């Protein structure tokens, strides 16, 4: 079995494009969102299951952003108050 890195290198060579083969999980919601919205799915075994998982991950990302909203706003306020 080829590693993801080896497979990506072979695909890059054949397609003349940058390839990132990653496993999309809830462990990295920012990566998951970017991959789902901006990437291309090359292979899926169960389309309905894959689409349901993507929907759950995007929902989790939305919740994550809502939960972090207060923290991010605090950073903006602190950054604006600092003299340069």
PDB file of N, CA and C in Angstrom:
ATOM      1  N   UNK A   1       0.851  -1.190   0.000  1.00  0.00           N
ATOM      2  CA  UNK A   1       0.000   0.000   0.000  1.00  0.00           C
ATOM      3  C   UNK A   1       0.885   1.238   0.000  1.00  0.00           C
ATOM      4  N   UNK A   2       0.638   2.114  -0.922  1.00  0.00           N
ATOM      5  CA  UNK A   2       1.411   3.353  -0.995  1.00  0.00           C
ATOM      6  C   UNK A   2       0.997   4.305   0.114  1.00  0.00           C
ATOM      7  N   UNK A   3       1.952   5.100   0.558  1.00  0.00           N
ATOM      8  CA  UNK A   3       1.615   6.116   1.551  1.00  0.00           C
ATOM      9  C   UNK A   3       0.905   7.265   0.847  1.00  0.00           C
ATOM     10  N   UNK A   4       0.230   8.083   1.647  1.00  0.00           N
ATOM     11  CA  UNK A   4      -0.445   9.264   1.067  1.00  0.00           C
ATOM     12  C   UNK A   4       0.565  10.175   0.395  1.00  0.00           C
ATOM     13  N   UNK A   5       1.762  10.306   0.980  1.00  0.00           N
ATOM     14  CA  UNK A   5       2.791  11.177   0.415  1.00  0.00           C
ATOM     15  C   UNK A   5       3.242  10.656  -0.955  1.00  0.00           C
ATOM     16  N   UNK A   6       3.452   9.353  -1.062  1.00  0.00           N
ATOM     17  CA  UNK A   6       3.857   8.769  -2.341  1.00  0.00           C
ATOM     18  C   UNK A   6       2.760   8.936  -3.386  1.00  0.00           C
ATOM     19  N   UNK A   7       1.531   8.688  -2.978  1.00  0.00           N
ATOM     20  CA  UNK A   7       0.402   8.840  -3.897  1.00  0.00           C
ATOM     21  C   UNK A   7       0.260  10.286  -4.354  1.00  0.00           C
ATOM     22  N   UNK A   8       0.393  11.227  -3.432  1.00  0.00           N
ATOM     23  CA  UNK A   8       0.307  12.648  -3.785  1.00  0.00           C
ATOM     24  C   UNK A   8       1.401  13.022  -4.781  1.00  0.00           C
ATOM     25  N   UNK A   9       2.612  12.530  -4.555  1.00  0.00           N
ATOM     26  CA  UNK A   9       3.728  12.835  -5.465  1.00  0.00           C
ATOM     27  C   UNK A   9       3.440  12.301  -6.865  1.00  0.00           C
ATOM     28  N   UNK A  10       2.912  11.095  -6.961  1.00  0.00           N
ATOM     29  CA  UNK A  10       2.595  10.518  -8.269  1.00  0.00           C
ATOM     30  C   UNK A  10       1.480  11.294  -8.960  1.00  0.00           C
ATOM     31  N   UNK A  11       0.463  11.669  -8.202  1.00  0.00           N
ATOM     32  CA  UNK A  11      -0.629  12.445  -8.787  1.00  0.00           C
ATOM     33  C   UNK A  11      -0.160  13.820  -9.241  1.00  0.00           C
ATOM     34  N   UNK A  12       0.679  14.459  -8.436  1.00  0.00           N
ATOM     35  CA  UNK A  12       1.209  15.770  -8.816  1.00  0.00           C
ATOM     36  C   UNK A  12       1.971  15.684 -10.133  1.00  0.00           C
ATOM     37  N   UNK A  13       2.759  14.639 -10.269  1.00  0.00           N
ATOM     38  CA  UNK A  13       3.547  14.463 -11.490  1.00  0.00           C
ATOM     39  C   UNK A  13       2.638  14.267 -12.703  1.00  0.00           C
ATOM     40  N   UNK A  14       1.616  13.454 -12.554  1.00  0.00           N
ATOM     41  CA  UNK A  14       0.720  13.154 -13.678  1.00  0.00           C
ATOM     42  C   UNK A  14      -0.221  14.303 -14.003  1.00  0.00           C
ATOM     43  N   UNK A  15      -0.697  15.010 -12.968  1.00  0.00           N
ATOM     44  CA  UNK A  15      -1.693  16.060 -13.185  1.00  0.00           C
ATOM     45  C   UNK A  15      -1.102  17.455 -13.276  1.00  0.00           C
ATOM     46  N   UNK A  16       0.182  17.567 -12.923  1.00  0.00           N
ATOM     47  CA  UNK A  16       0.862  18.864 -12.924  1.00  0.00           C
ATOM     48  C   UNK A  16       0.117  19.881 -12.062  1.00  0.00           C
ATOM     49  N   UNK A  17      -0.292  19.414 -10.887  1.00  0.00           N
ATOM     50  CA  UNK A  17      -1.012  20.245  -9.908  1.00  0.00           C
ATOM     51  C   UNK A  17      -0.523  19.891  -8.519  1.00  0.00           C
ATOM     52  N   UNK A  18      -0.719  20.815  -7.587  1.00  0.00           N
ATOM     53  CA  UNK A  18      -0.408  20.524  -6.198  1.00  0.00           C
ATOM     54  C   UNK A  18      -1.508  19.642  -5.629  1.00  0.00           C
ATOM     55  N   UNK A  19      -1.104  18.568  -4.993  1.00  0.00           N
ATOM     56  CA  UNK A  19      -2.053  17.597  -4.441  1.00  0.00           C
ATOM     57  C   UNK A  19      -1.814  17.464  -2.942  1.00  0.00           C
ATOM     58  N   UNK A  20      -2.885  17.494  -2.174  1.00  0.00           N
ATOM     59  CA  UNK A  20      -2.820  17.252  -0.729  1.00  0.00           C
ATOM     60  C   UNK A  20      -3.826  16.159  -0.422  1.00  0.00           C
ATOM     61  N   UNK A  21      -3.323  15.018  -0.036  1.00  0.00           N
ATOM     62  CA  UNK A  21      -4.218  13.916   0.310  1.00  0.00           C
ATOM     63  C   UNK A  21      -4.267  13.843   1.823  1.00  0.00           C
ATOM     64  N   UNK A  22      -5.412  14.140   2.361  1.00  0.00           N
ATOM     65  CA  UNK A  22      -5.556  14.158   3.809  1.00  0.00           C
ATOM     66  C   UNK A  22      -6.776  13.394   4.259  1.00  0.00           C
ATOM     67  N   UNK A  23      -6.763  13.056   5.507  1.00  0.00           N
ATOM     68  CA  UNK A  23      -7.915  12.408   6.117  1.00  0.00           C
ATOM     69  C   UNK A  23      -8.712  13.493   6.820  1.00  0.00           C
ATOM     70  N   UNK A  24      -9.956  13.615   6.467  1.00  0.00           N
ATOM     71  CA  UNK A  24     -10.790  14.674   7.015  1.00  0.00           C
ATOM     72  C   UNK A  24     -11.507  14.134   8.251  1.00  0.00           C
ATOM     73  N   UNK A  25     -11.200  14.748   9.397  1.00  0.00           N
ATOM     74  CA  UNK A  25     -11.833  14.352  10.658  1.00  0.00           C
ATOM     75  C   UNK A  25     -12.188  15.603  11.448  1.00  0.00           C
ATOM     76  N   UNK A  26     -12.858  15.397  12.566  1.00  0.00           N
ATOM     77  CA  UNK A  26     -13.222  16.514  13.442  1.00  0.00           C
ATOM     78  C   UNK A  26     -12.038  16.990  14.277  1.00  0.00           C
ATOM     79  N   UNK A  27     -10.900  16.326  14.182  1.00  0.00           N
ATOM     80  CA  UNK A  27      -9.725  16.738  14.946  1.00  0.00           C
ATOM     81  C   UNK A  27      -9.167  18.068  14.455  1.00  0.00           C
ATOM     82  N   UNK A  28      -9.384  18.391  13.184  1.00  0.00           N
ATOM     83  CA  UNK A  28      -8.919  19.661  12.636  1.00  0.00           C
ATOM     84  C   UNK A  28     -10.051  20.229  11.774  1.00  0.00           C
ATOM     85  N   UNK A  29     -10.933  20.964  12.412  1.00  0.00           N
ATOM     86  CA  UNK A  29     -12.123  21.474  11.729  1.00  0.00           C
ATOM     87  C   UNK A  29     -11.796  22.528  10.677  1.00  0.00           C
ATOM     88  N   UNK A  30     -10.735  23.295  10.887  1.00  0.00           N
ATOM     89  CA  UNK A  30     -10.363  24.313   9.903  1.00  0.00           C
ATOM     90  C   UNK A  30      -9.916  23.627   8.605  1.00  0.00           C
ATOM     91  N   UNK A  31      -9.062  22.609   8.738  1.00  0.00           N
ATOM     92  CA  UNK A  31      -8.623  21.834   7.564  1.00  0.00           C
ATOM     93  C   UNK A  31      -9.824  21.168   6.897  1.00  0.00           C
ATOM     94  N   UNK A  32     -10.690  20.569   7.695  1.00  0.00           N
ATOM     95  CA  UNK A  32     -11.864  19.877   7.152  1.00  0.00           C
ATOM     96  C   UNK A  32     -12.714  20.833   6.330  1.00  0.00           C
ATOM     97  N   UNK A  33     -12.961  22.027   6.858  1.00  0.00           N
ATOM     98  CA  UNK A  33     -13.783  23.006   6.143  1.00  0.00           C
ATOM     99  C   UNK A  33     -13.126  23.392   4.817  1.00  0.00           C
ATOM    100  N   UNK A  34     -11.843  23.700   4.861  1.00  0.00           N
ATOM    101  CA  UNK A  34     -11.136  24.089   3.636  1.00  0.00           C
ATOM    102  C   UNK A  34     -11.166  22.970   2.603  1.00  0.00           C
ATOM    103  N   UNK A  35     -10.934  21.749   3.049  1.00  0.00           N
ATOM    104  CA  UNK A  35     -10.925  20.614   2.124  1.00  0.00           C
ATOM    105  C   UNK A  35     -12.311  20.386   1.517  1.00  0.00           C
ATOM    106  N   UNK A  36     -13.339  20.472   2.340  1.00  0.00           N
ATOM    107  CA  UNK A  36     -14.710  20.239   1.857  1.00  0.00           C
ATOM    108  C   UNK A  36     -15.141  21.338   0.881  1.00  0.00           C
ATOM    109  N   UNK A  37     -14.875  22.583   1.228  1.00  0.00           N
ATOM    110  CA  UNK A  37     -15.365  23.687   0.412  1.00  0.00           C
ATOM    111  C   UNK A  37     -14.482  24.015  -0.790  1.00  0.00           C
ATOM    112  N   UNK A  38     -13.167  23.771  -0.669  1.00  0.00           N
ATOM    113  CA  UNK A  38     -12.253  24.187  -1.734  1.00  0.00           C
ATOM    114  C   UNK A  38     -11.530  23.043  -2.423  1.00  0.00           C
ATOM    115  N   UNK A  39     -11.623  21.840  -1.858  1.00  0.00           N
ATOM    116  CA  UNK A  39     -10.922  20.705  -2.443  1.00  0.00           C
ATOM    117  C   UNK A  39     -11.801  19.935  -3.407  1.00  0.00           C
ATOM    118  N   UNK A  40     -11.222  18.866  -3.925  1.00  0.00           N
ATOM    119  CA  UNK A  40     -11.957  17.966  -4.812  1.00  0.00           C
ATOM    120  C   UNK A  40     -11.886  16.561  -4.243  1.00  0.00           C
ATOM    121  N   UNK A  41     -13.008  15.938  -4.162  1.00  0.00           N
ATOM    122  CA  UNK A  41     -13.063  14.555  -3.706  1.00  0.00           C
ATOM    123  C   UNK A  41     -12.676  13.667  -4.881  1.00  0.00           C
ATOM    124  N   UNK A  42     -11.621  12.893  -4.713  1.00  0.00           N
ATOM    125  CA  UNK A  42     -11.181  12.013  -5.788  1.00  0.00           C
ATOM    126  C   UNK A  42     -11.894  10.666  -5.751  1.00  0.00           C
ATOM    127  N   UNK A  43     -12.093  10.150  -4.549  1.00  0.00           N
ATOM    128  CA  UNK A  43     -12.685   8.822  -4.409  1.00  0.00           C
ATOM    129  C   UNK A  43     -13.585   8.808  -3.191  1.00  0.00           C
ATOM    130  N   UNK A  44     -14.706   8.138  -3.310  1.00  0.00           N
ATOM    131  CA  UNK A  44     -15.542   7.867  -2.148  1.00  0.00           C
ATOM    132  C   UNK A  44     -16.219   6.521  -2.359  1.00  0.00           C
ATOM    133  N   UNK A  45     -16.308   5.758  -1.301  1.00  0.00           N
ATOM    134  CA  UNK A  45     -16.934   4.440  -1.409  1.00  0.00           C
ATOM    135  C   UNK A  45     -18.441   4.508  -1.208  1.00  0.00           C
ATOM    136  N   UNK A  46     -18.868   5.385  -0.312  1.00  0.00           N
ATOM    137  CA  UNK A  46     -20.288   5.512   0.014  1.00  0.00           C
ATOM    138  C   UNK A  46     -20.660   6.994  -0.014  1.00  0.00           C
ATOM    139  N   UNK A  47     -21.167   7.441  -1.148  1.00  0.00           N
ATOM    140  CA  UNK A  47     -21.421   8.868  -1.362  1.00  0.00           C
ATOM    141  C   UNK A  47     -22.338   9.465  -0.293  1.00  0.00           C
ATOM    142  N   UNK A  48     -23.429   8.795   0.028  1.00  0.00           N
ATOM    143  CA  UNK A  48     -24.367   9.326   1.016  1.00  0.00           C
ATOM    144  C   UNK A  48     -23.702   9.483   2.382  1.00  0.00           C
ATOM    145  N   UNK A  49     -22.922   8.486   2.785  1.00  0.00           N
ATOM    146  CA  UNK A  49     -22.220   8.559   4.074  1.00  0.00           C
ATOM    147  C   UNK A  49     -21.198   9.692   4.074  1.00  0.00           C
ATOM    148  N   UNK A  50     -20.490   9.837   2.953  1.00  0.00           N
ATOM    149  CA  UNK A  50     -19.484  10.894   2.839  1.00  0.00           C
ATOM    150  C   UNK A  50     -20.131  12.272   2.935  1.00  0.00           C
ATOM    151  N   UNK A  51     -21.229  12.467   2.218  1.00  0.00           N
ATOM    152  CA  UNK A  51     -21.918  13.760   2.248  1.00  0.00           C
ATOM    153  C   UNK A  51     -22.500  14.047   3.627  1.00  0.00           C
ATOM    154  N   UNK A  52     -22.999  13.024   4.309  1.00  0.00           N
ATOM    155  CA  UNK A  52     -23.509  13.213   5.671  1.00  0.00           C
ATOM    156  C   UNK A  52     -22.373  13.611   6.613  1.00  0.00           C
ATOM    157  N   UNK A  53     -21.220  12.970   6.460  1.00  0.00           N
ATOM    158  CA  UNK A  53     -20.062  13.304   7.299  1.00  0.00           C
ATOM    159  C   UNK A  53     -19.600  14.733   7.030  1.00  0.00           C
ATOM    160  N   UNK A  54     -19.581  15.138   5.768  1.00  0.00           N
ATOM    161  CA  UNK A  54     -19.190  16.510   5.432  1.00  0.00           C
ATOM    162  C   UNK A  54     -20.153  17.515   6.057  1.00  0.00           C
ATOM    163  N   UNK A  55     -21.424  17.213   6.011  1.00  0.00           N
ATOM    164  CA  UNK A  55     -22.429  18.098   6.606  1.00  0.00           C
ATOM    165  C   UNK A  55     -22.212  18.220   8.110  1.00  0.00           C
ATOM    166  N   UNK A  56     -21.949  17.094   8.772  1.00  0.00           N
ATOM    167  CA  UNK A  56     -21.686  17.129  10.219  1.00  0.00           C
ATOM    168  C   UNK A  56     -20.433  17.945  10.529  1.00  0.00           C
ATOM    169  N   UNK A  57     -19.381  17.769   9.727  1.00  0.00           N
ATOM    170  CA  UNK A  57     -18.139  18.507   9.963  1.00  0.00           C
ATOM    171  C   UNK A  57     -18.331  20.006   9.754  1.00  0.00           C
ATOM    172  N   UNK A  58     -19.064  20.390   8.732  1.00  0.00           N
ATOM    173  CA  UNK A  58     -19.320  21.824   8.517  1.00  0.00           C
ATOM    174  C   UNK A  58     -20.165  22.395   9.653  1.00  0.00           C
ATOM    175  N   UNK A  59     -21.107  21.623  10.157  1.00  0.00           N
ATOM    176  CA  UNK A  59     -21.880  22.058  11.322  1.00  0.00           C
ATOM    177  C   UNK A  59     -21.004  22.215  12.549  1.00  0.00           C
ATOM    178  N   UNK A  60     -20.075  21.284  12.725  1.00  0.00           N
ATOM    179  CA  UNK A  60     -19.139  21.374  13.855  1.00  0.00           C
ATOM    180  C   UNK A  60     -18.236  22.588  13.712  1.00  0.00           C
ATOM    181  N   UNK A  61     -17.805  22.881  12.479  1.00  0.00           N
ATOM    182  CA  UNK A  61     -16.973  24.059  12.244  1.00  0.00           C
ATOM    183  C   UNK A  61     -17.748  25.327  12.593  1.00  0.00           C
ATOM    184  N   UNK A  62     -19.018  25.397  12.191  1.00  0.00           N
ATOM    185  CA  UNK A  62     -19.845  26.563  12.509  1.00  0.00           C
ATOM    186  C   UNK A  62     -19.956  26.740  14.024  1.00  0.00           C
ATOM    187  N   UNK A  63     -20.209  25.658  14.739  1.00  0.00           N
ATOM    188  CA  UNK A  63     -20.299  25.713  16.206  1.00  0.00           C
ATOM    189  C   UNK A  63     -18.970  26.165  16.808  1.00  0.00           C
ATOM    190  N   UNK A  64     -17.875  25.630  16.288  1.00  0.00           N
ATOM    191  CA  UNK A  64     -16.532  26.013  16.730  1.00  0.00           C
ATOM    192  C   UNK A  64     -16.321  27.515  16.566  1.00  0.00           C
ATOM    193  N   UNK A  65     -16.689  28.054  15.408  1.00  0.00           N
ATOM    194  CA  UNK A  65     -16.511  29.494  15.155  1.00  0.00           C
ATOM    195  C   UNK A  65     -17.387  30.327  16.083  1.00  0.00           C
ATOM    196  N   UNK A  66     -18.608  29.892  16.311  1.00  0.00           N
ATOM    197  CA  UNK A  66     -19.492  30.611  17.228  1.00  0.00           C
ATOM    198  C   UNK A  66     -18.916  30.606  18.646  1.00  0.00           C
ATOM    199  N   UNK A  67     -18.407  29.467  19.078  1.00  0.00           N
ATOM    200  CA  UNK A  67     -17.833  29.358  20.416  1.00  0.00           C
ATOM    201  C   UNK A  67     -16.590  30.234  20.565  1.00  0.00           C
ATOM    202  N   UNK A  68     -15.830  30.403  19.495  1.00  0.00           N
ATOM    203  CA  UNK A  68     -14.594  31.187  19.538  1.00  0.00           C
ATOM    204  C   UNK A  68     -14.808  32.671  19.265  1.00  0.00           C
ATOM    205  N   UNK A  69     -16.007  33.039  18.892  1.00  0.00           N
ATOM    206  CA  UNK A  69     -16.287  34.420  18.504  1.00  0.00           C
ATOM    207  C   UNK A  69     -15.871  35.410  19.594  1.00  0.00           C
ATOM    208  N   UNK A  70     -16.225  35.126  20.825  1.00  0.00           N
ATOM    209  CA  UNK A  70     -15.887  36.019  21.935  1.00  0.00           C
ATOM    210  C   UNK A  70     -14.369  36.116  22.118  1.00  0.00           C
ATOM    211  N   UNK A  71     -13.679  35.004  22.013  1.00  0.00           N
ATOM    212  CA  UNK A  71     -12.216  34.998  22.158  1.00  0.00           C
ATOM    213  C   UNK A  71     -11.571  35.804  21.037  1.00  0.00           C
ATOM    214  N   UNK A  72     -12.006  35.582  19.809  1.00  0.00           N
ATOM    215  CA  UNK A  72     -11.440  36.314  18.678  1.00  0.00           C
ATOM    216  C   UNK A  72     -11.709  37.810  18.784  1.00  0.00           C
ATOM    217  N   UNK A  73     -12.882  38.178  19.242  1.00  0.00           N
ATOM    218  CA  UNK A  73     -13.203  39.596  19.423  1.00  0.00           C
ATOM    219  C   UNK A  73     -12.321  40.213  20.493  1.00  0.00           C
ATOM    220  N   UNK A  74     -12.052  39.490  21.551  1.00  0.00           N
ATOM    221  CA  UNK A  74     -11.157  39.986  22.613  1.00  0.00           C
ATOM    222  C   UNK A  74      -9.764  40.257  22.067  1.00  0.00           C
ATOM    223  N   UNK A  75      -9.257  39.350  21.219  1.00  0.00           N
ATOM    224  CA  UNK A  75      -7.946  39.561  20.607  1.00  0.00           C
ATOM    225  C   UNK A  75      -7.939  40.808  19.734  1.00  0.00           C
ATOM    226  N   UNK A  76      -9.031  41.033  18.995  1.00  0.00           N
ATOM    227  CA  UNK A  76      -9.107  42.228  18.147  1.00  0.00           C
ATOM    228  C   UNK A  76      -9.056  43.499  18.987  1.00  0.00           C
ATOM    229  N   UNK A  77      -9.786  43.514  20.103  1.00  0.00           N
ATOM    230  CA  UNK A  77      -9.822  44.690  20.977  1.00  0.00           C
ATOM    231  C   UNK A  77      -8.443  44.948  21.560  1.00  0.00           C
ATOM    232  N   UNK A  78      -7.791  43.913  22.051  1.00  0.00           N
ATOM    233  CA  UNK A  78      -6.452  44.058  22.636  1.00  0.00           C
ATOM    234  C   UNK A  78      -5.479  44.566  21.577  1.00  0.00           C
ATOM    235  N   UNK A  79      -5.545  44.036  20.379  1.00  0.00           N
ATOM    236  CA  UNK A  79      -4.634  44.429  19.307  1.00  0.00           C
ATOM    237  C   UNK A  79      -4.844  45.907  18.935  1.00  0.00           C
ATOM    238  N   UNK A  80      -6.093  46.357  18.967  1.00  0.00           N
ATOM    239  CA  UNK A  80      -6.386  47.755  18.632  1.00  0.00           C
ATOM    240  C   UNK A  80      -5.915  48.711  19.720  1.00  0.00           C
ATOM    241  N   UNK A  81      -5.857  48.239  20.947  1.00  0.00           N
ATOM    242  CA  UNK A  81      -5.468  49.103  22.079  1.00  0.00           C
ATOM    243  C   UNK A  81      -3.953  49.240  22.222  1.00  0.00           C
ATOM    244  N   UNK A  82      -3.186  48.378  21.602  1.00  0.00           N
ATOM    245  CA  UNK A  82      -1.712  48.435  21.732  1.00  0.00           C
ATOM    246  C   UNK A  82      -1.138  49.578  20.912  1.00  0.00           C
ATOM    247  N   UNK A  83      -0.241  50.357  21.524  1.00  0.00           N
ATOM    248  CA  UNK A  83       0.442  51.392  20.735  1.00  0.00           C
ATOM    249  C   UNK A  83       1.511  50.736  19.861  1.00  0.00           C
ATOM    250  N   UNK A  84       1.722  51.282  18.687  1.00  0.00           N
ATOM    251  CA  UNK A  84       2.716  50.697  17.768  1.00  0.00           C
ATOM    252  C   UNK A  84       4.055  51.340  17.898  1.00  0.00           C
TER     253      UNK A  84
END
